[in-house]
Amino acid sequence: MLSASYILYYYQDILGVSAIAMGIILMAARAFDAFNDPVMGVLVAKTRTRWGKFRPWMLIGTILNAVILVVMFAAPPALSGGGLAVYAAVAYVLWGVTYTMMDIPYWSMIPAFTEGGREREGLTTLARSCAGVGSALITIVTMMCVQALGHGDERTGFLKFALIIAVLFVFFIGTTCFNIKEKSTVDVEAPSVGQMFRALLQNDQTMVVVITIVLINCSLYVTSNLLIYFFKYDFGGDTWYNEYTLFNVFGGGVQILSMMLFYPLLRRLISSLQVFYVSFIMAITGYALLFVFMCLGLTSIFILFVPAFLIFAAFGMLTVLTTVFLANTVDYGELRNDRRDESVIFSMQTFVVKLASGVSALIASICLSVCRLSNDTSGAVAAEAAGGSVFGLRMTMTVVPVAGLLLSVFLFHRKYILTERKVEEIAAQIREKR
């Protein structure tokens, strides 16, 4: 989340790299991941060591990714222009590669260690909720910590904060690696690269969920990328930073509650698919209210809490649900293709989350370039005076995410067939075959 939400701001607004250049860099890195992530899934599936096939990659990938994370936020002061853009590009590509090394085996453990139904949904909900807490905490504390650690120098603050996050990253994943006991529910022969890609393409339910995740995350990341610019250049004023921090504290808290409280409560009353559609209605309603409040020129941060509640709560539940749905497609693929390809399928989740961050960064960078929002805070006055620039920012933050959400729910409703009853039937058939 630190990378997804702040890498564009760090290089564009703080260091002065062209917004369009950053958008192209982030998008190109995701194109590279289109090949890299499934290959990593193949490597995990083929791994056989005394420590298992998941933990070695998790530990190695985490250590390397932690180092690259610090490097990414440690751009040398002497660099500028093209040199700085090249530095950003190399660091970001290396970050994506090393993140893939630990993220794919981490999420692949869920369908590998569990069978379908409540057991898998419960573990997925717990894992996603804890991941959501981490994401929400970044949303809440990043700018506060950056200001405090850098004593007003955001460049220094981001470097120190990235170092802290890197240390915590190694500690927590290291704790996981040293305490978990790998015990797979299945033992299948390692496939070839060609077999893995064919299995992925032949699993239509995986592809539906993958596309849905891309569209949902694009919607979320467009908003999160532009939120700081909205408060800095549109909401404006000398105290914009305080309102931005307060908004993130509220939104992050709601996101945590939605994963750990709202989702389990709703799940007791209605099915997972019904919770999914309710979340879409909440998110779209929240964006509509946000756009209206923006156009009315409302300057009270507390009024913005109403759409914020709907949007953050919806995305929190959608994050849990899409992981559950993706895990279910592993069983579906095993029944259909006689292979259990959890590593490759979950490599797609890693890829689509990074793809969504790249696409959203490109959209955000185009918006910033067209709206001419500079890295000069005094530009807030100019932005407020230029109604077209402000309106373009508001439209990109609200209308674009709504379009993405509508497209995703339309596709999902038309193509996804794995209801709870269907998942139970598939699990029973798989047990019978084994």
Protein backbone atom coordinates (compact mmCIF):
# COMPACT_ATOMS: atom_id res chain seq x y z
CA MET A 1 0.00 0.00 0.00
CA LEU A 2 2.91 2.35 0.65
CA SER A 3 4.03 1.79 -2.93
CA ALA A 4 0.53 1.83 -4.47
CA SER A 5 -0.58 5.05 -2.77
CA TYR A 6 2.58 7.15 -2.45
CA ILE A 7 5.17 6.28 -5.10
CA LEU A 8 3.54 8.64 -7.63
CA TYR A 9 3.33 11.44 -5.05
CA TYR A 10 6.95 10.89 -3.95
CA TYR A 11 8.50 11.07 -7.42
CA GLN A 12 6.08 13.53 -9.05
CA ASP A 13 5.15 15.99 -6.31
CA ILE A 14 8.26 15.85 -4.12
CA LEU A 15 11.09 15.09 -6.57
CA GLY A 16 9.58 16.74 -9.64
CA VAL A 17 9.56 13.85 -12.13
CA SER A 18 7.03 14.41 -14.93
CA ALA A 19 3.61 12.98 -14.04
CA ILE A 20 3.27 11.41 -17.49
CA ALA A 21 6.76 9.88 -17.22
CA MET A 22 5.87 8.32 -13.88
CA GLY A 23 2.59 7.00 -15.26
CA ILE A 24 4.39 5.33 -18.17
CA ILE A 25 7.03 3.86 -15.84
CA LEU A 26 4.44 2.35 -13.51
CA MET A 27 2.40 0.97 -16.39
CA ALA A 28 5.44 -0.50 -18.19
CA ALA A 29 6.50 -2.27 -15.00
CA ARG A 30 3.08 -3.93 -14.86
CA ALA A 31 3.43 -5.13 -18.46
CA PHE A 32 6.65 -6.85 -17.39
CA ASP A 33 4.78 -8.47 -14.50
CA ALA A 34 2.31 -10.02 -16.97
CA PHE A 35 5.06 -12.54 -17.71
CA ASN A 36 6.99 -12.48 -14.44
CA ASP A 37 4.17 -13.31 -12.02
CA PRO A 38 2.87 -16.55 -13.62
CA VAL A 39 6.48 -17.72 -14.03
CA MET A 40 6.96 -17.17 -10.30
CA GLY A 41 3.86 -19.27 -9.72
CA VAL A 42 5.48 -22.07 -11.76
CA LEU A 43 8.70 -21.82 -9.73
CA VAL A 44 6.78 -22.07 -6.46
CA ALA A 45 4.82 -25.08 -7.72
CA LYS A 46 8.07 -26.83 -8.72
CA THR A 47 9.91 -26.06 -5.47
CA ARG A 48 10.73 -29.03 -3.24
CA THR A 49 12.87 -28.36 -0.15
CA ARG A 50 13.13 -29.65 3.41
CA TRP A 51 11.45 -26.37 4.49
CA GLY A 52 8.55 -26.80 2.05
CA LYS A 53 7.79 -25.00 -1.18
CA PHE A 54 6.23 -21.79 0.16
CA ARG A 55 8.39 -20.62 3.08
CA PRO A 56 11.79 -20.35 1.33
CA TRP A 57 10.39 -18.02 -1.32
CA MET A 58 8.49 -15.99 1.28
CA LEU A 59 11.60 -15.35 3.37
CA ILE A 60 13.99 -14.65 0.47
CA GLY A 61 11.46 -12.45 -1.33
CA THR A 62 10.65 -10.46 1.80
CA ILE A 63 14.28 -9.65 2.62
CA LEU A 64 15.01 -8.58 -0.95
CA ASN A 65 11.79 -6.59 -1.25
CA ALA A 66 12.44 -4.78 2.03
CA VAL A 67 15.84 -3.64 0.72
CA ILE A 68 14.37 -2.48 -2.60
CA LEU A 69 11.54 -0.64 -0.80
CA VAL A 70 14.10 1.50 1.02
CA VAL A 71 16.08 2.03 -2.20
CA MET A 72 12.91 3.13 -3.99
CA PHE A 73 12.37 5.93 -1.46
CA ALA A 74 16.07 6.83 -1.29
CA ALA A 75 16.58 8.58 -4.62
CA PRO A 76 20.02 10.31 -4.58
CA PRO A 77 19.69 14.14 -4.33
CA ALA A 78 22.21 14.54 -7.16
CA LEU A 79 19.87 12.88 -9.67
CA SER A 80 17.40 14.91 -11.70
CA GLY A 81 15.51 14.80 -14.99
CA GLY A 82 16.12 11.69 -17.07
CA GLY A 83 18.52 10.15 -14.56
CA LEU A 84 15.92 10.35 -11.81
CA ALA A 85 13.26 8.83 -14.08
CA VAL A 86 15.60 5.91 -14.91
CA TYR A 87 16.32 5.40 -11.19
CA ALA A 88 12.58 5.32 -10.46
CA ALA A 89 11.95 2.86 -13.29
CA VAL A 90 14.67 0.39 -12.25
CA ALA A 91 13.77 0.55 -8.55
CA TYR A 92 10.06 0.07 -9.24
CA VAL A 93 10.60 -2.94 -11.56
CA LEU A 94 12.88 -4.58 -8.98
CA TRP A 95 10.31 -3.86 -6.28
CA GLY A 96 7.63 -5.63 -8.33
CA VAL A 97 9.82 -8.69 -8.98
CA THR A 98 10.83 -9.15 -5.34
CA TYR A 99 7.31 -8.50 -4.06
CA THR A 100 6.05 -11.26 -6.35
CA MET A 101 8.58 -13.66 -4.83
CA MET A 102 6.95 -13.45 -1.40
CA ASP A 103 3.33 -12.58 -2.17
CA ILE A 104 2.47 -15.51 -4.47
CA PRO A 105 3.58 -18.26 -2.04
CA TYR A 106 1.92 -16.40 0.85
CA TRP A 107 -1.57 -16.40 -0.67
CA SER A 108 -1.08 -19.79 -2.35
CA MET A 109 -0.95 -21.39 1.08
CA ILE A 110 -4.68 -20.80 1.66
CA PRO A 111 -6.06 -23.08 -1.10
CA ALA A 112 -3.13 -25.47 -0.62
CA PHE A 113 -3.76 -25.98 3.11
CA THR A 114 -7.57 -25.94 3.14
CA GLU A 115 -10.51 -27.52 1.44
CA GLY A 116 -13.49 -25.49 0.18
CA GLY A 117 -16.29 -24.12 2.31
CA ARG A 118 -16.28 -22.38 5.68
CA GLU A 119 -12.74 -23.41 6.60
CA ARG A 120 -11.23 -21.71 3.57
CA GLU A 121 -13.55 -18.70 3.78
CA GLY A 122 -12.71 -18.23 7.46
CA LEU A 123 -8.94 -18.36 6.90
CA THR A 124 -9.19 -16.12 3.84
CA THR A 125 -11.27 -13.58 5.77
CA LEU A 126 -8.74 -13.57 8.62
CA ALA A 127 -5.74 -13.20 6.31
CA ARG A 128 -7.39 -10.50 4.21
CA SER A 129 -8.60 -8.66 7.31
CA CYS A 130 -5.09 -8.55 8.75
CA ALA A 131 -3.74 -7.40 5.36
CA GLY A 132 -6.47 -4.77 5.37
CA VAL A 133 -5.37 -3.57 8.79
CA GLY A 134 -1.86 -3.09 7.42
CA SER A 135 -3.16 -1.22 4.38
CA ALA A 136 -5.42 0.97 6.50
CA LEU A 137 -2.61 1.79 8.93
CA ILE A 138 -0.47 3.00 6.01
CA THR A 139 -3.36 5.19 4.90
CA ILE A 140 -3.73 6.59 8.40
CA VAL A 141 -0.15 7.18 9.57
CA THR A 142 2.04 7.71 6.49
CA MET A 143 1.87 11.48 6.13
CA MET A 144 1.91 12.03 9.90
CA CYS A 145 5.07 9.93 10.20
CA VAL A 146 6.66 11.52 7.12
CA GLN A 147 6.18 15.00 8.56
CA ALA A 148 7.40 13.98 12.03
CA LEU A 149 10.42 11.95 10.85
CA GLY A 150 11.49 14.51 8.27
CA HIS A 151 10.77 17.56 10.44
CA GLY A 152 8.92 19.10 7.51
CA ASP A 153 11.26 17.63 4.84
CA GLU A 154 9.05 15.10 3.04
CA ARG A 155 11.94 13.56 1.11
CA THR A 156 13.81 12.64 4.29
CA GLY A 157 10.57 11.65 6.02
CA PHE A 158 9.63 9.14 3.32
CA LEU A 159 13.09 7.53 3.44
CA LYS A 160 12.97 7.04 7.22
CA PHE A 161 9.38 5.80 7.11
CA ALA A 162 10.18 3.29 4.34
CA LEU A 163 13.05 1.97 6.46
CA ILE A 164 10.68 1.41 9.41
CA ILE A 165 8.16 -0.38 7.19
CA ALA A 166 10.92 -2.56 5.72
CA VAL A 167 12.07 -3.67 9.18
CA LEU A 168 8.49 -4.48 10.24
CA PHE A 169 7.94 -6.35 6.97
CA VAL A 170 10.90 -8.67 7.57
CA PHE A 171 9.90 -9.20 11.21
CA PHE A 172 6.29 -10.18 10.52
CA ILE A 173 6.90 -12.42 7.50
CA GLY A 174 9.88 -13.95 9.29
CA THR A 175 7.57 -14.78 12.20
CA THR A 176 5.20 -16.48 9.75
CA CYS A 177 7.97 -18.48 8.08
CA PHE A 178 9.48 -19.77 11.32
CA ASN A 179 6.18 -20.75 12.94
CA ILE A 180 4.04 -22.25 10.20
CA LYS A 181 4.12 -25.97 9.41
CA GLU A 182 3.54 -26.70 5.75
CA LYS A 183 0.96 -29.41 5.29
CA SER A 184 -0.67 -29.42 1.89
CA THR A 185 -4.12 -30.94 1.37
CA VAL A 186 -2.91 -32.21 -2.01
CA ASP A 187 0.32 -33.56 -3.49
CA VAL A 188 0.43 -33.06 -7.23
CA GLU A 189 3.23 -33.43 -9.74
CA ALA A 190 4.94 -30.17 -10.68
CA PRO A 191 3.66 -29.01 -14.09
CA SER A 192 5.59 -27.55 -16.98
CA VAL A 193 5.36 -23.85 -17.83
CA GLY A 194 3.16 -24.63 -20.84
CA GLN A 195 0.80 -26.75 -18.76
CA MET A 196 0.48 -24.03 -16.16
CA PHE A 197 -0.40 -21.33 -18.66
CA ARG A 198 -2.89 -23.61 -20.37
CA ALA A 199 -4.52 -24.47 -17.05
CA LEU A 200 -4.81 -20.78 -16.24
CA LEU A 201 -6.36 -19.86 -19.57
CA GLN A 202 -8.73 -22.84 -19.43
CA ASN A 203 -10.11 -21.80 -16.03
CA ASP A 204 -12.80 -19.33 -17.08
CA GLN A 205 -13.83 -18.62 -13.49
CA THR A 206 -10.32 -17.55 -12.57
CA MET A 207 -10.24 -15.14 -15.49
CA VAL A 208 -13.61 -13.64 -14.47
CA VAL A 209 -12.43 -13.05 -10.90
CA VAL A 210 -9.06 -11.70 -12.08
CA ILE A 211 -10.69 -9.11 -14.37
CA THR A 212 -13.11 -8.18 -11.58
CA ILE A 213 -10.21 -7.62 -9.15
CA VAL A 214 -8.39 -5.44 -11.70
CA LEU A 215 -11.42 -3.19 -12.18
CA ILE A 216 -12.23 -2.96 -8.46
CA ASN A 217 -8.63 -2.16 -7.47
CA CYS A 218 -8.25 0.35 -10.30
CA SER A 219 -11.26 2.19 -8.92
CA LEU A 220 -9.84 2.19 -5.40
CA TYR A 221 -6.30 3.16 -6.39
CA VAL A 222 -7.38 6.03 -8.66
CA THR A 223 -9.09 7.53 -5.62
CA SER A 224 -6.21 6.84 -3.22
CA ASN A 225 -3.62 8.24 -5.67
CA LEU A 226 -5.52 11.50 -6.16
CA LEU A 227 -6.85 11.97 -2.63
CA ILE A 228 -3.77 13.83 -1.40
CA TYR A 229 -3.96 16.14 -4.45
CA PHE A 230 -7.64 16.82 -3.74
CA PHE A 231 -6.88 17.98 -0.21
CA LYS A 232 -3.74 19.86 -1.22
CA TYR A 233 -5.00 21.67 -4.31
CA ASP A 234 -8.83 21.60 -4.17
CA PHE A 235 -9.89 21.43 -0.54
CA GLY A 236 -6.92 23.73 -0.05
CA GLY A 237 -6.09 26.10 2.77
CA ASP A 238 -3.14 26.20 5.09
CA THR A 239 -4.52 23.28 7.13
CA TRP A 240 -5.09 20.86 4.22
CA TYR A 241 -2.64 18.39 5.73
CA ASN A 242 -4.66 18.14 8.97
CA GLU A 243 -7.91 17.46 7.10
CA TYR A 244 -6.18 14.90 4.87
CA THR A 245 -4.82 13.06 7.91
CA LEU A 246 -8.19 13.12 9.69
CA PHE A 247 -9.96 11.81 6.58
CA ASN A 248 -7.48 8.94 6.29
CA VAL A 249 -7.82 8.07 9.98
CA PHE A 250 -11.58 7.82 9.57
CA GLY A 251 -11.42 5.92 6.25
CA GLY A 252 -8.75 3.52 7.46
CA GLY A 253 -10.72 2.79 10.62
CA VAL A 254 -13.86 2.07 8.60
CA GLN A 255 -11.91 -0.22 6.25
CA ILE A 256 -10.61 -2.24 9.20
CA LEU A 257 -14.08 -2.49 10.75
CA SER A 258 -15.62 -3.53 7.44
CA MET A 259 -13.23 -6.49 7.14
CA MET A 260 -13.29 -7.61 10.74
CA LEU A 261 -16.83 -6.67 11.82
CA PHE A 262 -19.21 -5.57 9.05
CA TYR A 263 -18.39 -8.44 6.69
CA PRO A 264 -18.79 -11.24 9.30
CA LEU A 265 -22.09 -9.69 10.49
CA LEU A 266 -23.52 -9.41 6.98
CA ARG A 267 -22.23 -12.87 6.14
CA ARG A 268 -24.39 -14.33 8.90
CA LEU A 269 -27.49 -12.82 7.33
CA ILE A 270 -26.88 -13.19 3.59
CA SER A 271 -24.67 -15.13 1.18
CA SER A 272 -21.21 -14.04 0.10
CA LEU A 273 -22.53 -13.14 -3.36
CA GLN A 274 -25.22 -10.94 -1.82
CA VAL A 275 -22.64 -9.18 0.34
CA PHE A 276 -20.65 -8.65 -2.86
CA TYR A 277 -23.51 -6.85 -4.62
CA VAL A 278 -24.41 -4.84 -1.49
CA SER A 279 -20.79 -3.62 -1.38
CA PHE A 280 -21.03 -2.41 -4.98
CA ILE A 281 -24.20 -0.44 -4.22
CA MET A 282 -22.52 1.14 -1.19
CA ALA A 283 -19.39 2.14 -3.15
CA ILE A 284 -21.29 3.66 -6.09
CA THR A 285 -23.61 5.57 -3.73
CA GLY A 286 -20.58 6.87 -1.83
CA TYR A 287 -18.88 8.12 -5.00
CA ALA A 288 -22.09 9.83 -6.15
CA LEU A 289 -22.41 11.65 -2.81
CA LEU A 290 -18.71 12.60 -2.88
CA PHE A 291 -19.06 14.15 -6.33
CA VAL A 292 -22.15 16.13 -5.28
CA PHE A 293 -20.45 17.42 -2.12
CA MET A 294 -17.37 18.42 -4.15
CA CYS A 295 -19.46 20.35 -6.67
CA LEU A 296 -21.38 22.09 -3.90
CA GLY A 297 -18.06 23.36 -2.55
CA LEU A 298 -18.63 21.96 0.93
CA THR A 299 -15.59 22.61 3.09
CA SER A 300 -16.49 20.61 6.20
CA ILE A 301 -14.38 17.49 6.54
CA PHE A 302 -17.10 15.86 8.64
CA ILE A 303 -19.62 15.98 5.78
CA LEU A 304 -17.12 14.08 3.63
CA PHE A 305 -17.18 11.30 6.23
CA VAL A 306 -20.58 10.17 4.90
CA PRO A 307 -19.37 9.13 1.41
CA ALA A 308 -16.06 8.03 2.92
CA PHE A 309 -17.86 5.54 5.15
CA LEU A 310 -19.72 3.99 2.23
CA ILE A 311 -16.65 3.82 -0.03
CA PHE A 312 -14.11 2.48 2.47
CA ALA A 313 -16.53 -0.03 4.00
CA ALA A 314 -17.43 -1.33 0.53
CA PHE A 315 -13.84 -1.73 -0.61
CA GLY A 316 -12.90 -3.46 2.63
CA MET A 317 -15.54 -6.14 2.11
CA LEU A 318 -14.79 -6.45 -1.61
CA THR A 319 -11.13 -7.13 -0.84
CA VAL A 320 -12.06 -10.10 1.35
CA LEU A 321 -14.68 -11.42 -1.05
CA THR A 322 -12.54 -11.40 -4.20
CA THR A 323 -9.87 -13.43 -2.41
CA VAL A 324 -12.49 -15.97 -1.32
CA PHE A 325 -13.83 -16.19 -4.87
CA LEU A 326 -10.33 -16.62 -6.32
CA ALA A 327 -9.56 -19.44 -3.86
CA ASN A 328 -12.76 -21.20 -4.95
CA THR A 329 -11.59 -21.18 -8.56
CA VAL A 330 -8.67 -23.41 -7.56
CA ASP A 331 -11.09 -26.26 -6.79
CA TYR A 332 -13.03 -25.52 -9.95
CA GLY A 333 -9.85 -25.71 -12.00
CA GLU A 334 -8.79 -28.98 -10.37
CA LEU A 335 -12.13 -30.61 -11.20
CA ARG A 336 -12.13 -29.29 -14.74
CA ASN A 337 -8.45 -29.70 -15.68
CA ASP A 338 -7.30 -32.46 -13.27
CA ARG A 339 -4.63 -30.10 -11.91
CA ARG A 340 -4.50 -28.08 -8.70
CA ASP A 341 -2.75 -24.88 -9.72
CA GLU A 342 -3.07 -22.65 -6.67
CA SER A 343 0.33 -20.99 -7.11
CA VAL A 344 -0.32 -19.92 -10.70
CA ILE A 345 -3.89 -18.81 -9.95
CA PHE A 346 -2.75 -16.74 -6.99
CA SER A 347 0.12 -15.36 -9.04
CA MET A 348 -2.67 -13.70 -11.02
CA GLN A 349 -3.93 -12.01 -7.87
CA THR A 350 -0.46 -10.58 -7.25
CA PHE A 351 -0.23 -9.48 -10.86
CA VAL A 352 -3.67 -7.87 -11.04
CA VAL A 353 -3.17 -5.89 -7.83
CA LYS A 354 0.08 -4.49 -9.26
CA LEU A 355 -1.54 -4.03 -12.68
CA ALA A 356 -4.34 -2.05 -11.05
CA SER A 357 -1.80 0.16 -9.26
CA GLY A 358 -0.01 0.79 -12.57
CA VAL A 359 -3.18 1.56 -14.54
CA SER A 360 -4.53 3.82 -11.80
CA ALA A 361 -1.19 5.63 -11.54
CA LEU A 362 -1.27 6.24 -15.31
CA ILE A 363 -4.83 7.58 -15.06
CA ALA A 364 -3.85 9.77 -12.12
CA SER A 365 -0.74 11.05 -13.89
CA ILE A 366 -2.76 12.01 -16.98
CA CYS A 367 -5.21 13.83 -14.71
CA LEU A 368 -2.40 15.71 -12.95
CA SER A 369 -0.80 16.67 -16.25
CA VAL A 370 -4.06 17.84 -17.86
CA CYS A 371 -5.10 19.72 -14.72
CA ARG A 372 -1.60 21.21 -14.40
CA LEU A 373 -1.23 20.46 -10.70
CA SER A 374 2.39 21.18 -9.80
CA ASN A 375 4.60 20.23 -6.90
CA ASP A 376 4.39 23.78 -5.55
CA THR A 377 1.97 23.97 -2.64
CA SER A 378 1.24 27.57 -3.51
CA GLY A 379 -0.34 26.12 -6.63
CA ALA A 380 -3.39 25.46 -4.46
CA VAL A 381 -4.45 29.06 -4.99
CA ALA A 382 -4.04 28.79 -8.75
CA ALA A 383 -5.88 25.47 -8.83
CA GLU A 384 -8.82 26.92 -6.92
CA ALA A 385 -9.00 29.77 -9.40
CA ALA A 386 -8.89 27.43 -12.41
CA GLY A 387 -12.31 25.82 -12.25
CA GLY A 388 -11.55 23.44 -15.11
CA SER A 389 -8.56 21.96 -13.30
CA VAL A 390 -10.53 21.40 -10.12
CA PHE A 391 -13.47 19.91 -11.99
CA GLY A 392 -11.15 17.53 -13.89
CA LEU A 393 -9.65 16.32 -10.62
CA ARG A 394 -13.10 15.74 -9.13
CA MET A 395 -14.34 13.88 -12.21
CA THR A 396 -11.31 11.58 -12.27
CA MET A 397 -11.65 10.81 -8.56
CA THR A 398 -15.33 9.88 -8.75
CA VAL A 399 -16.70 9.20 -12.24
CA VAL A 400 -13.79 7.00 -13.40
CA PRO A 401 -14.03 4.70 -10.33
CA VAL A 402 -17.82 4.40 -10.76
CA ALA A 403 -17.35 3.40 -14.42
CA GLY A 404 -14.85 0.73 -13.36
CA LEU A 405 -17.18 -0.62 -10.67
CA LEU A 406 -20.18 -0.79 -13.01
CA LEU A 407 -18.17 -2.65 -15.63
CA SER A 408 -16.82 -5.13 -13.08
CA VAL A 409 -20.20 -5.95 -11.53
CA PHE A 410 -21.75 -6.39 -14.99
CA LEU A 411 -19.02 -8.84 -16.05
CA PHE A 412 -19.09 -10.71 -12.74
CA HIS A 413 -22.87 -11.10 -12.73
CA ARG A 414 -22.86 -12.43 -16.29
CA LYS A 415 -19.98 -14.90 -15.99
CA TYR A 416 -19.36 -16.04 -12.38
CA ILE A 417 -21.10 -19.34 -11.55
CA LEU A 418 -19.45 -20.50 -8.30
CA THR A 419 -22.29 -20.09 -5.82
CA GLU A 420 -21.88 -21.53 -2.32
CA ARG A 421 -23.87 -24.61 -3.28
CA LYS A 422 -21.76 -25.08 -6.42
CA VAL A 423 -18.52 -24.78 -4.40
CA GLU A 424 -19.73 -27.47 -1.97
CA GLU A 425 -20.66 -29.77 -4.85
CA ILE A 426 -17.22 -29.31 -6.44
CA ALA A 427 -15.45 -30.00 -3.12
CA ALA A 428 -17.46 -33.22 -2.70
CA GLN A 429 -16.64 -34.34 -6.26
CA ILE A 430 -12.93 -33.67 -5.71
CA ARG A 431 -12.91 -35.71 -2.48
CA GLU A 432 -14.61 -38.56 -4.32
CA LYS A 433 -12.03 -38.47 -7.14
CA ARG A 434 -9.12 -38.48 -4.70
